PDB file of N, CA and C in Angstrom:
ATOM      1  N   MET A   1       0.840  33.984  13.341  1.00  0.00           N
ATOM      2  CA  MET A   1       0.358  32.436  13.109  1.00  0.00           C
ATOM      3  C   MET A   1      -0.252  31.812  13.901  1.00  0.00           C
ATOM      4  N   SER A   2      -1.450  30.831  13.917  1.00  0.00           N
ATOM      5  CA  SER A   2      -2.016  30.711  15.053  1.00  0.00           C
ATOM      6  C   SER A   2      -1.759  29.213  15.839  1.00  0.00           C
ATOM      7  N   ILE A   3      -2.210  28.954  17.108  1.00  0.00           N
ATOM      8  CA  ILE A   3      -1.201  27.815  17.720  1.00  0.00           C
ATOM      9  C   ILE A   3      -1.848  27.011  16.983  1.00  0.00           C
ATOM     10  N   GLU A   4      -3.187  26.509  16.121  1.00  0.00           N
ATOM     11  CA  GLU A   4      -3.353  25.731  15.526  1.00  0.00           C
ATOM     12  C   GLU A   4      -2.815  25.124  14.352  1.00  0.00           C
ATOM     13  N   ASN A   5      -2.190  26.139  13.579  1.00  0.00           N
ATOM     14  CA  ASN A   5      -0.996  25.661  12.297  1.00  0.00           C
ATOM     15  C   ASN A   5       0.292  25.801  12.877  1.00  0.00           C
ATOM     16  N   ILE A   6       0.547  26.053  14.037  1.00  0.00           N
ATOM     17  CA  ILE A   6       2.049  25.785  14.493  1.00  0.00           C
ATOM     18  C   ILE A   6       1.885  23.981  14.798  1.00  0.00           C
ATOM     19  N   LEU A   7       0.907  23.656  15.195  1.00  0.00           N
ATOM     20  CA  LEU A   7       0.463  22.204  15.436  1.00  0.00           C
ATOM     21  C   LEU A   7       0.384  21.387  14.385  1.00  0.00           C
ATOM     22  N   GLU A   8      -0.526  22.087  13.692  1.00  0.00           N
ATOM     23  CA  GLU A   8      -0.949  21.182  12.237  1.00  0.00           C
ATOM     24  C   GLU A   8       0.978  20.834  11.306  1.00  0.00           C
ATOM     25  N   LYS A   9       1.730  22.036  11.237  1.00  0.00           N
ATOM     26  CA  LYS A   9       3.002  22.009  11.080  1.00  0.00           C
ATOM     27  C   LYS A   9       3.885  21.217  11.639  1.00  0.00           C
ATOM     28  N   THR A  10       3.578  21.256  12.979  1.00  0.00           N
ATOM     29  CA  THR A  10       4.923  20.734  13.693  1.00  0.00           C
ATOM     30  C   THR A  10       4.207  19.038  13.888  1.00  0.00           C
ATOM     31  N   TYR A  11       2.933  18.083  13.662  1.00  0.00           N
ATOM     32  CA  TYR A  11       2.258  17.173  13.294  1.00  0.00           C
ATOM     33  C   TYR A  11       2.744  16.671  11.820  1.00  0.00           C
ATOM     34  N   TYR A  12       3.304  17.662  10.550  1.00  0.00           N
ATOM     35  CA  TYR A  12       3.262  17.209   9.848  1.00  0.00           C
ATOM     36  C   TYR A  12       5.331  16.688   9.949  1.00  0.00           C
ATOM     37  N   LYS A  13       5.287  17.913  10.101  1.00  0.00           N
ATOM     38  CA  LYS A  13       6.798  17.577  10.186  1.00  0.00           C
ATOM     39  C   LYS A  13       7.075  16.272  11.023  1.00  0.00           C
ATOM     40  N   GLN A  14       6.358  15.668  11.863  1.00  0.00           N
ATOM     41  CA  GLN A  14       7.206  14.675  12.590  1.00  0.00           C
ATOM     42  C   GLN A  14       6.617  13.252  11.698  1.00  0.00           C
ATOM     43  N   ALA A  15       5.492  13.260  11.010  1.00  0.00           N
ATOM     44  CA  ALA A  15       4.964  12.327  10.465  1.00  0.00           C
ATOM     45  C   ALA A  15       6.010  12.251   9.182  1.00  0.00           C
ATOM     46  N   VAL A  16       5.915  13.484   8.575  1.00  0.00           N
ATOM     47  CA  VAL A  16       7.249  13.166   7.731  1.00  0.00           C
ATOM     48  C   VAL A  16       8.535  12.546   7.856  1.00  0.00           C
ATOM     49  N   SER A  17       8.682  12.634   9.174  1.00  0.00           N
ATOM     50  CA  SER A  17      10.583  12.516   9.611  1.00  0.00           C
ATOM     51  C   SER A  17      10.141  11.153  10.217  1.00  0.00           C
ATOM     52  N   LYS A  18       9.094  10.185  10.077  1.00  0.00           N
ATOM     53  CA  LYS A  18       8.995   8.875  10.428  1.00  0.00           C
ATOM     54  C   LYS A  18       8.683   8.009   9.040  1.00  0.00           C
ATOM     55  N   MET A  19       8.543   8.248   7.507  1.00  0.00           N
ATOM     56  CA  MET A  19       8.122   8.152   6.606  1.00  0.00           C
ATOM     57  C   MET A  19       9.563   7.119   6.327  1.00  0.00           C
ATOM     58  N   LYS A  20       8.677   6.179   5.567  1.00  0.00           N
ATOM     59  CA  LYS A  20       9.301   5.446   4.347  1.00  0.00           C
ATOM     60  C   LYS A  20       8.999   5.628   2.945  1.00  0.00           C
ATOM     61  N   ILE A  21       9.689   6.079   2.092  1.00  0.00           N
ATOM     62  CA  ILE A  21       9.245   6.387   0.606  1.00  0.00           C
ATOM     63  C   ILE A  21       9.946   5.071  -0.288  1.00  0.00           C
ATOM     64  N   CYS A  22       8.845   4.736  -1.325  1.00  0.00           N
ATOM     65  CA  CYS A  22       9.870   3.722  -2.416  1.00  0.00           C
ATOM     66  C   CYS A  22       9.459   4.446  -3.389  1.00  0.00           C
ATOM     67  N   VAL A  23      11.066   4.455  -4.121  1.00  0.00           N
ATOM     68  CA  VAL A  23      10.540   5.073  -5.820  1.00  0.00           C
ATOM     69  C   VAL A  23      11.034   4.040  -6.757  1.00  0.00           C
ATOM     70  N   THR A  24       9.980   4.127  -7.649  1.00  0.00           N
ATOM     71  CA  THR A  24      10.519   2.509  -8.546  1.00  0.00           C
ATOM     72  C   THR A  24      11.684   3.815  -9.511  1.00  0.00           C
ATOM     73  N   THR A  25      12.600   2.706 -10.250  1.00  0.00           N
ATOM     74  CA  THR A  25      13.777   3.312 -10.495  1.00  0.00           C
ATOM     75  C   THR A  25      14.538   2.881 -11.858  1.00  0.00           C
ATOM     76  N   LYS A  26      14.634   3.655 -12.624  1.00  0.00           N
ATOM     77  CA  LYS A  26      15.429   2.688 -13.769  1.00  0.00           C
ATOM     78  C   LYS A  26      16.893   2.288 -13.783  1.00  0.00           C
ATOM     79  N   ASP A  27      17.559   2.813 -12.809  1.00  0.00           N
ATOM     80  CA  ASP A  27      18.886   2.416 -12.247  1.00  0.00           C
ATOM     81  C   ASP A  27      19.144   2.614 -10.843  1.00  0.00           C
ATOM     82  N   ASN A  28      20.244   2.631 -10.527  1.00  0.00           N
ATOM     83  CA  ASN A  28      20.429   2.280  -8.629  1.00  0.00           C
ATOM     84  C   ASN A  28      21.670   3.280  -8.117  1.00  0.00           C
ATOM     85  N   VAL A  29      20.893   4.540  -8.935  1.00  0.00           N
ATOM     86  CA  VAL A  29      21.693   6.091  -8.375  1.00  0.00           C
ATOM     87  C   VAL A  29      20.597   6.940  -7.771  1.00  0.00           C
ATOM     88  N   PRO A  30      20.851   8.021  -6.988  1.00  0.00           N
ATOM     89  CA  PRO A  30      19.604   8.943  -6.355  1.00  0.00           C
ATOM     90  C   PRO A  30      19.155   9.880  -7.965  1.00  0.00           C
ATOM     91  N   GLU A  31      20.182  10.381  -9.018  1.00  0.00           N
ATOM     92  CA  GLU A  31      19.924  10.600 -10.043  1.00  0.00           C
ATOM     93  C   GLU A  31      19.160  10.253 -11.197  1.00  0.00           C
ATOM     94  N   ALA A  32      18.998   8.584 -10.943  1.00  0.00           N
ATOM     95  CA  ALA A  32      18.266   7.696 -11.923  1.00  0.00           C
ATOM     96  C   ALA A  32      16.428   8.228 -12.389  1.00  0.00           C
ATOM     97  N   GLU A  33      16.524   8.103 -12.954  1.00  0.00           N
ATOM     98  CA  GLU A  33      14.741   8.378 -13.825  1.00  0.00           C
ATOM     99  C   GLU A  33      13.731   7.546 -13.262  1.00  0.00           C
ATOM    100  N   THR A  34      12.753   8.074 -12.635  1.00  0.00           N
ATOM    101  CA  THR A  34      11.835   7.155 -11.979  1.00  0.00           C
ATOM    102  C   THR A  34      11.469   6.719 -13.437  1.00  0.00           C
ATOM    103  N   ASN A  35      10.768   5.233 -12.891  1.00  0.00           N
ATOM    104  CA  ASN A  35      10.600   3.871 -13.701  1.00  0.00           C
ATOM    105  C   ASN A  35       8.798   4.260 -13.665  1.00  0.00           C
ATOM    106  N   PRO A  36       8.273   4.364 -15.033  1.00  0.00           N
ATOM    107  CA  PRO A  36       6.970   4.368 -15.113  1.00  0.00           C
ATOM    108  C   PRO A  36       6.381   3.299 -15.232  1.00  0.00           C
ATOM    109  N   HIS A  37       6.952   2.145 -15.243  1.00  0.00           N
ATOM    110  CA  HIS A  37       6.214   0.645 -15.130  1.00  0.00           C
ATOM    111  C   HIS A  37       6.641   0.193 -13.858  1.00  0.00           C
ATOM    112  N   PHE A  38       5.917   0.166 -12.749  1.00  0.00           N
ATOM    113  CA  PHE A  38       5.893  -0.025 -11.547  1.00  0.00           C
ATOM    114  C   PHE A  38       6.175  -1.592 -11.369  1.00  0.00           C
ATOM    115  N   GLY A  39       5.640  -2.247 -12.037  1.00  0.00           N
ATOM    116  CA  GLY A  39       5.428  -3.734 -11.548  1.00  0.00           C
ATOM    117  C   GLY A  39       6.748  -4.599 -11.936  1.00  0.00           C
ATOM    118  N   ARG A  40       7.412  -3.833 -13.312  1.00  0.00           N
ATOM    119  CA  ARG A  40       8.297  -4.261 -14.007  1.00  0.00           C
ATOM    120  C   ARG A  40      10.018  -3.402 -14.046  1.00  0.00           C
ATOM    121  N   CYS A  41       9.490  -2.246 -12.964  1.00  0.00           N
ATOM    122  CA  CYS A  41      10.401  -1.388 -12.715  1.00  0.00           C
ATOM    123  C   CYS A  41      12.269  -2.335 -12.733  1.00  0.00           C
ATOM    124  N   VAL A  42      12.997  -1.304 -12.673  1.00  0.00           N
ATOM    125  CA  VAL A  42      14.007  -2.273 -12.103  1.00  0.00           C
ATOM    126  C   VAL A  42      14.962  -2.332 -10.927  1.00  0.00           C
ATOM    127  N   TYR A  43      14.692  -1.121 -10.550  1.00  0.00           N
ATOM    128  CA  TYR A  43      14.926  -0.831  -9.012  1.00  0.00           C
ATOM    129  C   TYR A  43      14.027  -0.187  -8.152  1.00  0.00           C
ATOM    130  N   PHE A  44      13.893  -0.636  -6.904  1.00  0.00           N
ATOM    131  CA  PHE A  44      12.860   0.444  -5.295  1.00  0.00           C
ATOM    132  C   PHE A  44      13.940   0.985  -5.370  1.00  0.00           C
ATOM    133  N   MET A  45      14.358   2.264  -5.033  1.00  0.00           N
ATOM    134  CA  MET A  45      14.787   3.118  -4.053  1.00  0.00           C
ATOM    135  C   MET A  45      14.297   3.489  -2.584  1.00  0.00           C
ATOM    136  N   PHE A  46      14.307   2.631  -1.616  1.00  0.00           N
ATOM    137  CA  PHE A  46      13.872   3.128  -0.084  1.00  0.00           C
ATOM    138  C   PHE A  46      14.509   4.183   0.291  1.00  0.00           C
ATOM    139  N   VAL A  47      13.790   5.209   0.788  1.00  0.00           N
ATOM    140  CA  VAL A  47      14.246   6.189   1.385  1.00  0.00           C
ATOM    141  C   VAL A  47      13.650   6.412   2.754  1.00  0.00           C
ATOM    142  N   ASP A  48      14.385   7.063   3.988  1.00  0.00           N
ATOM    143  CA  ASP A  48      13.610   6.658   5.341  1.00  0.00           C
ATOM    144  C   ASP A  48      13.607   8.412   5.503  1.00  0.00           C
ATOM    145  N   THR A  49      12.637   9.153   5.638  1.00  0.00           N
ATOM    146  CA  THR A  49      12.731  10.284   5.599  1.00  0.00           C
ATOM    147  C   THR A  49      13.448  10.927   7.059  1.00  0.00           C
ATOM    148  N   ASP A  50      13.687  10.391   8.382  1.00  0.00           N
ATOM    149  CA  ASP A  50      14.335  10.520   9.375  1.00  0.00           C
ATOM    150  C   ASP A  50      15.857  11.038   8.913  1.00  0.00           C
ATOM    151  N   SER A  51      16.108  10.526   8.628  1.00  0.00           N
ATOM    152  CA  SER A  51      17.687  10.555   8.307  1.00  0.00           C
ATOM    153  C   SER A  51      18.284  10.546   6.617  1.00  0.00           C
ATOM    154  N   MET A  52      17.136  10.367   5.886  1.00  0.00           N
ATOM    155  CA  MET A  52      17.188  10.849   4.475  1.00  0.00           C
ATOM    156  C   MET A  52      18.347   9.576   3.407  1.00  0.00           C
ATOM    157  N   GLN A  53      18.574   8.983   4.425  1.00  0.00           N
ATOM    158  CA  GLN A  53      18.968   7.929   4.251  1.00  0.00           C
ATOM    159  C   GLN A  53      18.463   6.678   3.194  1.00  0.00           C
ATOM    160  N   HIS A  54      19.126   6.169   1.719  1.00  0.00           N
ATOM    161  CA  HIS A  54      18.912   5.723   0.763  1.00  0.00           C
ATOM    162  C   HIS A  54      19.431   4.430   0.325  1.00  0.00           C
ATOM    163  N   GLU A  55      18.473   3.325  -0.088  1.00  0.00           N
ATOM    164  CA  GLU A  55      19.097   1.988  -0.363  1.00  0.00           C
ATOM    165  C   GLU A  55      18.462   1.653  -1.651  1.00  0.00           C
ATOM    166  N   PHE A  56      18.815   0.753  -2.671  1.00  0.00           N
ATOM    167  CA  PHE A  56      18.019   0.265  -4.074  1.00  0.00           C
ATOM    168  C   PHE A  56      18.342  -0.857  -3.597  1.00  0.00           C
ATOM    169  N   VAL A  57      16.977  -1.611  -4.099  1.00  0.00           N
ATOM    170  CA  VAL A  57      17.161  -2.855  -3.968  1.00  0.00           C
ATOM    171  C   VAL A  57      16.387  -3.517  -5.835  1.00  0.00           C
ATOM    172  N   LYS A  58      16.843  -4.520  -5.771  1.00  0.00           N
ATOM    173  CA  LYS A  58      16.802  -4.616  -7.289  1.00  0.00           C
ATOM    174  C   LYS A  58      14.934  -5.476  -7.028  1.00  0.00           C
ATOM    175  N   ASN A  59      14.598  -4.905  -8.137  1.00  0.00           N
ATOM    176  CA  ASN A  59      13.232  -5.358  -7.932  1.00  0.00           C
ATOM    177  C   ASN A  59      12.892  -6.912  -8.424  1.00  0.00           C
ATOM    178  N   PRO A  60      12.627  -7.800  -7.322  1.00  0.00           N
ATOM    179  CA  PRO A  60      12.731  -9.111  -7.663  1.00  0.00           C
ATOM    180  C   PRO A  60      11.775  -9.845  -8.649  1.00  0.00           C
ATOM    181  N   TYR A  61      10.375  -8.871  -8.725  1.00  0.00           N
ATOM    182  CA  TYR A  61       9.372  -9.443  -9.657  1.00  0.00           C
ATOM    183  C   TYR A  61       9.708  -8.636 -11.120  1.00  0.00           C
ATOM    184  N   ALA A  62      10.833  -8.184 -11.425  1.00  0.00           N
ATOM    185  CA  ALA A  62      10.560  -7.273 -12.557  1.00  0.00           C
ATOM    186  C   ALA A  62      10.584  -8.495 -13.953  1.00  0.00           C
ATOM    187  N   ALA A  63      11.090  -9.764 -13.753  1.00  0.00           N
ATOM    188  CA  ALA A  63      10.881 -10.637 -14.628  1.00  0.00           C
ATOM    189  C   ALA A  63       9.974 -11.431 -14.613  1.00  0.00           C
ATOM    190  N   GLU A  64       8.984 -11.187 -13.715  1.00  0.00           N
ATOM    191  CA  GLU A  64       7.591 -12.266 -13.658  1.00  0.00           C
ATOM    192  C   GLU A  64       6.816 -12.397 -15.148  1.00  0.00           C
ATOM    193  N   SER A  65       6.573 -13.180 -16.041  1.00  0.00           N
ATOM    194  CA  SER A  65       5.937 -13.094 -16.542  1.00  0.00           C
ATOM    195  C   SER A  65       4.156 -12.495 -16.927  1.00  0.00           C
ATOM    196  N   GLN A  66       3.889 -12.695 -15.397  1.00  0.00           N
ATOM    197  CA  GLN A  66       1.967 -12.481 -14.865  1.00  0.00           C
ATOM    198  C   GLN A  66       2.626 -11.752 -13.464  1.00  0.00           C
ATOM    199  N   GLY A  67       1.717 -11.182 -13.302  1.00  0.00           N
ATOM    200  CA  GLY A  67       1.246 -10.797 -11.685  1.00  0.00           C
ATOM    201  C   GLY A  67       2.347 -10.397 -10.921  1.00  0.00           C
ATOM    202  N   ALA A  68       3.249  -9.171 -11.757  1.00  0.00           N
ATOM    203  CA  ALA A  68       4.217  -8.734 -11.537  1.00  0.00           C
ATOM    204  C   ALA A  68       4.118  -7.411 -10.498  1.00  0.00           C
ATOM    205  N   GLY A  69       3.150  -6.643 -10.732  1.00  0.00           N
ATOM    206  CA  GLY A  69       2.471  -5.668 -10.371  1.00  0.00           C
ATOM    207  C   GLY A  69       2.409  -5.964  -8.498  1.00  0.00           C
ATOM    208  N   VAL A  70       1.467  -6.776  -8.548  1.00  0.00           N
ATOM    209  CA  VAL A  70       0.702  -7.535  -7.390  1.00  0.00           C
ATOM    210  C   VAL A  70       1.766  -7.628  -6.430  1.00  0.00           C
ATOM    211  N   ARG A  71       3.067  -8.656  -6.644  1.00  0.00           N
ATOM    212  CA  ARG A  71       4.026  -9.475  -6.237  1.00  0.00           C
ATOM    213  C   ARG A  71       4.323  -7.928  -5.774  1.00  0.00           C
ATOM    214  N   ALA A  72       4.915  -6.947  -6.592  1.00  0.00           N
ATOM    215  CA  ALA A  72       5.869  -5.943  -6.155  1.00  0.00           C
ATOM    216  C   ALA A  72       5.447  -4.758  -5.337  1.00  0.00           C
ATOM    217  N   ALA A  73       3.958  -5.131  -4.946  1.00  0.00           N
ATOM    218  CA  ALA A  73       3.045  -3.835  -4.418  1.00  0.00           C
ATOM    219  C   ALA A  73       3.081  -4.621  -2.768  1.00  0.00           C
ATOM    220  N   GLN A  74       3.292  -6.396  -3.022  1.00  0.00           N
ATOM    221  CA  GLN A  74       3.002  -6.897  -1.253  1.00  0.00           C
ATOM    222  C   GLN A  74       4.986  -6.720  -0.981  1.00  0.00           C
ATOM    223  N   TYR A  75       5.776  -6.574  -1.785  1.00  0.00           N
ATOM    224  CA  TYR A  75       7.214  -7.101  -1.635  1.00  0.00           C
ATOM    225  C   TYR A  75       7.547  -5.194  -0.987  1.00  0.00           C
ATOM    226  N   ILE A  76       6.843  -4.042  -1.713  1.00  0.00           N
ATOM    227  CA  ILE A  76       7.462  -3.112  -1.220  1.00  0.00           C
ATOM    228  C   ILE A  76       6.424  -2.386   0.519  1.00  0.00           C
ATOM    229  N   ALA A  77       5.446  -3.451   0.215  1.00  0.00           N
ATOM    230  CA  ALA A  77       4.447  -3.278   1.759  1.00  0.00           C
ATOM    231  C   ALA A  77       4.915  -3.868   2.997  1.00  0.00           C
ATOM    232  N   ASP A  78       5.835  -5.426   2.611  1.00  0.00           N
ATOM    233  CA  ASP A  78       6.776  -6.358   3.567  1.00  0.00           C
ATOM    234  C   ASP A  78       7.839  -5.424   3.989  1.00  0.00           C
ATOM    235  N   GLN A  79       8.175  -4.140   2.852  1.00  0.00           N
ATOM    236  CA  GLN A  79       9.067  -3.400   3.386  1.00  0.00           C
ATOM    237  C   GLN A  79       9.222  -2.367   3.941  1.00  0.00           C
ATOM    238  N   GLY A  80       7.839  -2.383   4.486  1.00  0.00           N
ATOM    239  CA  GLY A  80       7.473  -0.954   5.292  1.00  0.00           C
ATOM    240  C   GLY A  80       7.128   0.180   5.070  1.00  0.00           C
ATOM    241  N   ALA A  81       6.846   0.214   3.493  1.00  0.00           N
ATOM    242  CA  ALA A  81       6.851   1.482   2.706  1.00  0.00           C
ATOM    243  C   ALA A  81       5.779   1.980   2.958  1.00  0.00           C
ATOM    244  N   ASP A  82       5.623   3.332   3.389  1.00  0.00           N
ATOM    245  CA  ASP A  82       4.408   4.374   3.556  1.00  0.00           C
ATOM    246  C   ASP A  82       3.811   4.969   2.421  1.00  0.00           C
ATOM    247  N   VAL A  83       4.587   5.337   1.360  1.00  0.00           N
ATOM    248  CA  VAL A  83       4.587   6.007   0.036  1.00  0.00           C
ATOM    249  C   VAL A  83       5.314   5.617  -0.878  1.00  0.00           C
ATOM    250  N   LEU A  84       4.583   5.454  -2.141  1.00  0.00           N
ATOM    251  CA  LEU A  84       4.735   5.031  -3.349  1.00  0.00           C
ATOM    252  C   LEU A  84       5.203   6.069  -4.237  1.00  0.00           C
ATOM    253  N   ILE A  85       6.597   6.400  -4.833  1.00  0.00           N
ATOM    254  CA  ILE A  85       6.184   7.301  -5.730  1.00  0.00           C
ATOM    255  C   ILE A  85       6.465   6.395  -6.997  1.00  0.00           C
ATOM    256  N   CYS A  86       5.873   6.764  -8.359  1.00  0.00           N
ATOM    257  CA  CYS A  86       6.101   5.859  -9.512  1.00  0.00           C
ATOM    258  C   CYS A  86       5.142   6.471 -10.459  1.00  0.00           C
ATOM    259  N   GLY A  87       5.156   5.772 -11.675  1.00  0.00           N
ATOM    260  CA  GLY A  87       4.309   6.159 -12.673  1.00  0.00           C
ATOM    261  C   GLY A  87       3.275   5.799 -12.942  1.00  0.00           C
ATOM    262  N   ASN A  88       2.764   4.669 -13.012  1.00  0.00           N
ATOM    263  CA  ASN A  88       1.429   4.450 -13.358  1.00  0.00           C
ATOM    264  C   ASN A  88       1.107   2.543 -12.927  1.00  0.00           C
ATOM    265  N   PRO A  89       0.863   2.102 -11.594  1.00  0.00           N
ATOM    266  CA  PRO A  89       0.883   1.053 -11.282  1.00  0.00           C
ATOM    267  C   PRO A  89      -0.764   0.472 -11.701  1.00  0.00           C
ATOM    268  N   GLY A  90      -0.971  -1.136 -12.089  1.00  0.00           N
ATOM    269  CA  GLY A  90      -2.450  -1.132 -12.483  1.00  0.00           C
ATOM    270  C   GLY A  90      -3.441  -1.081 -11.289  1.00  0.00           C
ATOM    271  N   PRO A  91      -4.404  -1.588 -11.576  1.00  0.00           N
ATOM    272  CA  PRO A  91      -5.507  -1.817 -10.565  1.00  0.00           C
ATOM    273  C   PRO A  91      -5.647  -2.851  -9.574  1.00  0.00           C
ATOM    274  N   ASP A  92      -4.741  -3.844  -9.832  1.00  0.00           N
ATOM    275  CA  ASP A  92      -4.212  -5.076  -8.848  1.00  0.00           C
ATOM    276  C   ASP A  92      -3.471  -4.568  -8.031  1.00  0.00           C
ATOM    277  N   ALA A  93      -2.380  -3.779  -8.306  1.00  0.00           N
ATOM    278  CA  ALA A  93      -1.292  -3.547  -7.359  1.00  0.00           C
ATOM    279  C   ALA A  93      -2.172  -2.313  -6.549  1.00  0.00           C
ATOM    280  N   VAL A  94      -2.840  -1.191  -7.022  1.00  0.00           N
ATOM    281  CA  VAL A  94      -3.474  -0.375  -6.572  1.00  0.00           C
ATOM    282  C   VAL A  94      -4.044  -1.058  -5.310  1.00  0.00           C
ATOM    283  N   SER A  95      -4.693  -2.197  -5.829  1.00  0.00           N
ATOM    284  CA  SER A  95      -5.643  -2.559  -4.570  1.00  0.00           C
ATOM    285  C   SER A  95      -4.678  -2.953  -3.254  1.00  0.00           C
ATOM    286  N   VAL A  96      -3.748  -3.836  -3.624  1.00  0.00           N
ATOM    287  CA  VAL A  96      -2.430  -4.186  -2.410  1.00  0.00           C
ATOM    288  C   VAL A  96      -2.096  -3.272  -1.540  1.00  0.00           C
ATOM    289  N   MET A  97      -1.848  -2.085  -2.588  1.00  0.00           N
ATOM    290  CA  MET A  97      -1.269  -1.143  -1.590  1.00  0.00           C
ATOM    291  C   MET A  97      -2.085  -0.376  -0.833  1.00  0.00           C
ATOM    292  N   GLU A  98      -3.229  -0.017  -1.300  1.00  0.00           N
ATOM    293  CA  GLU A  98      -4.764   0.509  -0.594  1.00  0.00           C
ATOM    294  C   GLU A  98      -4.650  -0.319   0.530  1.00  0.00           C
ATOM    295  N   THR A  99      -4.856  -1.200   0.659  1.00  0.00           N
ATOM    296  CA  THR A  99      -4.983  -2.213   1.528  1.00  0.00           C
ATOM    297  C   THR A  99      -4.112  -2.107   2.723  1.00  0.00           C
ATOM    298  N   GLY A 100      -2.944  -2.080   2.033  1.00  0.00           N
ATOM    299  CA  GLY A 100      -1.377  -1.967   2.893  1.00  0.00           C
ATOM    300  C   GLY A 100      -1.331  -0.606   3.696  1.00  0.00           C
ATOM    301  N   GLY A 101      -2.163   0.336   3.228  1.00  0.00           N
ATOM    302  CA  GLY A 101      -2.220   1.388   3.233  1.00  0.00           C
ATOM    303  C   GLY A 101      -0.996   2.500   2.970  1.00  0.00           C
ATOM    304  N   ILE A 102      -0.697   1.907   2.034  1.00  0.00           N
ATOM    305  CA  ILE A 102       1.024   2.833   1.273  1.00  0.00           C
ATOM    306  C   ILE A 102       0.340   3.910   0.400  1.00  0.00           C
ATOM    307  N   ARG A 103       0.407   5.031   0.718  1.00  0.00           N
ATOM    308  CA  ARG A 103      -0.295   6.229  -0.235  1.00  0.00           C
ATOM    309  C   ARG A 103       0.576   6.313  -2.077  1.00  0.00           C
ATOM    310  N   ILE A 104      -0.336   6.599  -2.797  1.00  0.00           N
ATOM    311  CA  ILE A 104       0.478   6.317  -4.058  1.00  0.00           C
ATOM    312  C   ILE A 104       0.537   7.693  -4.788  1.00  0.00           C
ATOM    313  N   VAL A 105       1.727   8.052  -5.262  1.00  0.00           N
ATOM    314  CA  VAL A 105       1.762   9.792  -5.916  1.00  0.00           C
ATOM    315  C   VAL A 105       2.702   9.300  -7.181  1.00  0.00           C
ATOM    316  N   LYS A 106       2.058   9.818  -7.739  1.00  0.00           N
ATOM    317  CA  LYS A 106       2.507   9.916  -9.706  1.00  0.00           C
ATOM    318  C   LYS A 106       3.203  11.041 -10.030  1.00  0.00           C
ATOM    319  N   TYR A 107       4.700  10.502 -10.342  1.00  0.00           N
ATOM    320  CA  TYR A 107       5.751  11.368 -10.352  1.00  0.00           C
ATOM    321  C   TYR A 107       6.313  10.766 -11.742  1.00  0.00           C
ATOM    322  N   PRO A 108       6.242  10.906 -12.701  1.00  0.00           N
ATOM    323  CA  PRO A 108       6.941  10.089 -13.813  1.00  0.00           C
ATOM    324  C   PRO A 108       7.785  11.223 -14.448  1.00  0.00           C
ATOM    325  N   ASP A 109       8.572  10.651 -14.761  1.00  0.00           N
ATOM    326  CA  ASP A 109       9.688  11.214 -15.688  1.00  0.00           C
ATOM    327  C   ASP A 109      10.406  12.665 -14.820  1.00  0.00           C
ATOM    328  N   MET A 110      10.658  11.917 -14.253  1.00  0.00           N
ATOM    329  CA  MET A 110      11.583  12.748 -12.515  1.00  0.00           C
ATOM    330  C   MET A 110      12.697  12.170 -12.237  1.00  0.00           C
ATOM    331  N   LYS A 111      13.887  12.774 -12.045  1.00  0.00           N
ATOM    332  CA  LYS A 111      14.306  11.925 -11.054  1.00  0.00           C
ATOM    333  C   LYS A 111      14.407  11.839  -9.985  1.00  0.00           C
ATOM    334  N   ALA A 112      14.850  10.563  -9.762  1.00  0.00           N
ATOM    335  CA  ALA A 112      14.339   9.274  -8.053  1.00  0.00           C
ATOM    336  C   ALA A 112      14.065  10.846  -6.990  1.00  0.00           C
ATOM    337  N   MET A 113      15.440  11.309  -6.574  1.00  0.00           N
ATOM    338  CA  MET A 113      15.326  12.179  -5.717  1.00  0.00           C
ATOM    339  C   MET A 113      14.913  13.456  -5.701  1.00  0.00           C
ATOM    340  N   GLU A 114      14.830  14.110  -6.820  1.00  0.00           N
ATOM    341  CA  GLU A 114      13.872  15.038  -7.085  1.00  0.00           C
ATOM    342  C   GLU A 114      12.276  14.996  -6.409  1.00  0.00           C
ATOM    343  N   ALA A 115      12.220  13.232  -7.179  1.00  0.00           N
ATOM    344  CA  ALA A 115      10.993  13.169  -6.985  1.00  0.00           C
ATOM    345  C   ALA A 115      10.120  13.261  -5.228  1.00  0.00           C
ATOM    346  N   VAL A 116      11.128  12.749  -4.535  1.00  0.00           N
ATOM    347  CA  VAL A 116      11.313  12.871  -3.123  1.00  0.00           C
ATOM    348  C   VAL A 116      11.217  13.992  -2.683  1.00  0.00           C
ATOM    349  N   GLN A 117      12.095  15.178  -3.092  1.00  0.00           N
ATOM    350  CA  GLN A 117      11.634  16.367  -2.392  1.00  0.00           C
ATOM    351  C   GLN A 117      10.778  17.060  -2.918  1.00  0.00           C
ATOM    352  N   LYS A 118       9.977  16.374  -4.241  1.00  0.00           N
ATOM    353  CA  LYS A 118       8.866  17.410  -4.085  1.00  0.00           C
ATOM    354  C   LYS A 118       7.576  16.620  -3.527  1.00  0.00           C
ATOM    355  N   PHE A 119       7.243  15.464  -2.891  1.00  0.00           N
ATOM    356  CA  PHE A 119       6.769  14.748  -2.411  1.00  0.00           C
ATOM    357  C   PHE A 119       6.623  15.681  -0.880  1.00  0.00           C
ATOM    358  N   LEU A 120       7.721  15.720  -0.365  1.00  0.00           N
ATOM    359  CA  LEU A 120       8.217  16.187   0.907  1.00  0.00           C
ATOM    360  C   LEU A 120       8.142  17.950   1.020  1.00  0.00           C
ATOM    361  N   GLY A 121       8.084  18.485  -0.252  1.00  0.00           N
ATOM    362  CA  GLY A 121       7.919  19.574  -0.605  1.00  0.00           C
ATOM    363  C   GLY A 121       8.947  20.766  -0.389  1.00  0.00           C
ATOM    364  N   THR A 122      10.003  20.414  -0.718  1.00  0.00           N
ATOM    365  CA  THR A 122      11.334  20.932  -0.004  1.00  0.00           C
ATOM    366  C   THR A 122      12.001  20.923  -1.085  1.00  0.00           C
ATOM    367  N   ASN A 123      13.206  21.848  -1.018  1.00  0.00           N
ATOM    368  CA  ASN A 123      14.286  21.374  -2.315  1.00  0.00           C
ATOM    369  C   ASN A 123      15.404  21.310  -1.486  1.00  0.00           C
ATOM    370  N   ASP A 124      15.732  21.458   0.034  1.00  0.00           N
ATOM    371  CA  ASP A 124      17.014  21.096   0.666  1.00  0.00           C
ATOM    372  C   ASP A 124      17.237  20.004   1.131  1.00  0.00           C
ATOM    373  N   LEU A 125      17.243  18.982   1.129  1.00  0.00           N
ATOM    374  CA  LEU A 125      17.429  17.715   1.635  1.00  0.00           C
ATOM    375  C   LEU A 125      18.564  17.267   1.468  1.00  0.00           C
TER     376      LEU A 125
END
């Protein structure tokens, strides 16, 4: 393995170890299914990749009649999320997240922690 490959892998591990991932979920347990409805999901699961600690926050905008996606996108940006794992956010929410530098990953129909593991490329978290 070349020194460039070693440095690249080291950089990737350092970058991953400092991320905050947000997953839209249907319930407040790591085994919950990801929720395909971004703005109206029931919970957000935030995962700190440095410690792999997670916390669930009830989506404060789930019952909004309009603009739930944009408000939810701003909310997760305000929480410091680097990555969003979800089903399918609308274009306005995507715009807010792109402006905030949040990467969007679409993993519908998975358990929340499995989606995090898939994103991180490992099964031993």
